[in-house]
Protein backbone atom coordinates (compact mmCIF):
# COMPACT_ATOMS: atom_id res chain seq x y z
CA UNK A 1 -0.18 -0.24 -0.28
CA UNK A 2 1.56 3.73 -0.71
CA UNK A 3 0.12 6.82 0.20
CA UNK A 4 0.35 9.86 -1.78
CA UNK A 5 1.57 13.45 -0.18
CA UNK A 6 -0.83 16.22 -0.91
CA UNK A 7 -2.12 19.58 -0.35
CA UNK A 8 -5.25 20.53 -0.63
CA UNK A 9 -6.52 23.73 -0.17
CA UNK A 10 -10.26 25.25 -0.78
CA UNK A 11 -10.62 28.63 0.08
CA UNK A 12 -14.14 30.55 1.15
CA UNK A 13 -13.80 33.85 1.75
CA UNK A 14 -16.99 35.12 2.52
CA UNK A 15 -16.21 38.82 3.83
CA UNK A 16 -13.31 40.43 4.95
CA UNK A 17 -14.07 39.41 8.81
CA UNK A 18 -15.35 35.69 7.36
CA UNK A 19 -12.43 33.85 5.86
CA UNK A 20 -12.64 30.69 6.00
CA UNK A 21 -10.28 27.82 4.60
CA UNK A 22 -10.08 24.01 3.86
CA UNK A 23 -6.82 22.35 4.01
CA UNK A 24 -6.24 18.99 3.17
CA UNK A 25 -3.03 17.22 4.47
CA UNK A 26 -2.26 19.95 6.91
CA UNK A 27 -0.38 17.83 9.08
CA UNK A 28 2.72 17.76 6.46
CA UNK A 29 5.88 19.80 5.91
CA UNK A 30 2.99 22.70 3.42
CA UNK A 31 -0.21 22.11 4.91
CA UNK A 32 1.28 23.21 8.83
CA UNK A 33 3.09 26.05 6.72
CA UNK A 34 0.03 27.19 4.93
CA UNK A 35 -2.42 26.95 8.27
CA UNK A 36 0.05 28.52 10.54
CA UNK A 37 0.61 31.60 7.26
CA UNK A 38 -3.42 31.41 7.49
CA UNK A 39 -3.66 32.25 11.18
CA UNK A 40 -1.48 34.40 11.84
CA UNK A 41 -4.17 36.69 8.88
CA UNK A 42 -6.63 35.54 11.17
CA UNK A 43 -8.36 33.15 8.85
CA UNK A 44 -10.55 30.09 10.41
CA UNK A 45 -8.57 26.71 9.16
CA UNK A 46 -10.18 23.36 9.31
CA UNK A 47 -7.46 20.74 8.36
CA UNK A 48 -8.00 17.73 7.04
CA UNK A 49 -5.64 14.49 9.20
CA UNK A 50 -5.00 11.00 9.08
CA UNK A 51 -3.84 11.67 12.82
CA UNK A 52 -4.87 14.37 15.19
CA UNK A 53 -1.65 13.52 17.72
CA UNK A 54 0.73 14.86 15.48
CA UNK A 55 -1.81 18.67 15.14
CA UNK A 56 -1.76 19.52 18.43
CA UNK A 57 0.23 22.46 17.54
CA UNK A 58 -2.29 23.47 14.57
CA UNK A 59 -5.04 22.89 17.01
CA UNK A 60 -3.38 24.79 19.94
CA UNK A 61 -3.22 27.72 17.48
CA UNK A 62 -7.28 27.43 16.43
CA UNK A 63 -6.84 24.87 13.92
CA UNK A 64 -10.32 22.81 13.76
CA UNK A 65 -9.47 19.67 12.80
CA UNK A 66 -11.65 16.18 11.09
CA UNK A 67 -9.32 13.02 11.23
CA UNK A 68 -10.23 10.41 8.41
CA UNK A 69 -8.56 8.77 5.12
CA UNK A 70 -9.92 9.37 1.82
CA UNK A 71 -8.58 5.12 1.36
CA UNK A 72 -10.65 3.30 -0.76
CA UNK A 73 -11.29 -0.02 1.08
């Protein structure tokens, strides 16, 4: 079994004060950096990850975490 590393970003710009972004692969090197950048700029960030324990630092920053997998069993 092999895993594909990816970062997918879905941005929903509601208004200047209510910006939201969804990041798949938020615990990866690129996803984590992107999440921190959005948080720093006052965006509401939701991140998809396989294991929430790997994203505790992001959770402390305010990232909403969704745990799951995209495997097709």
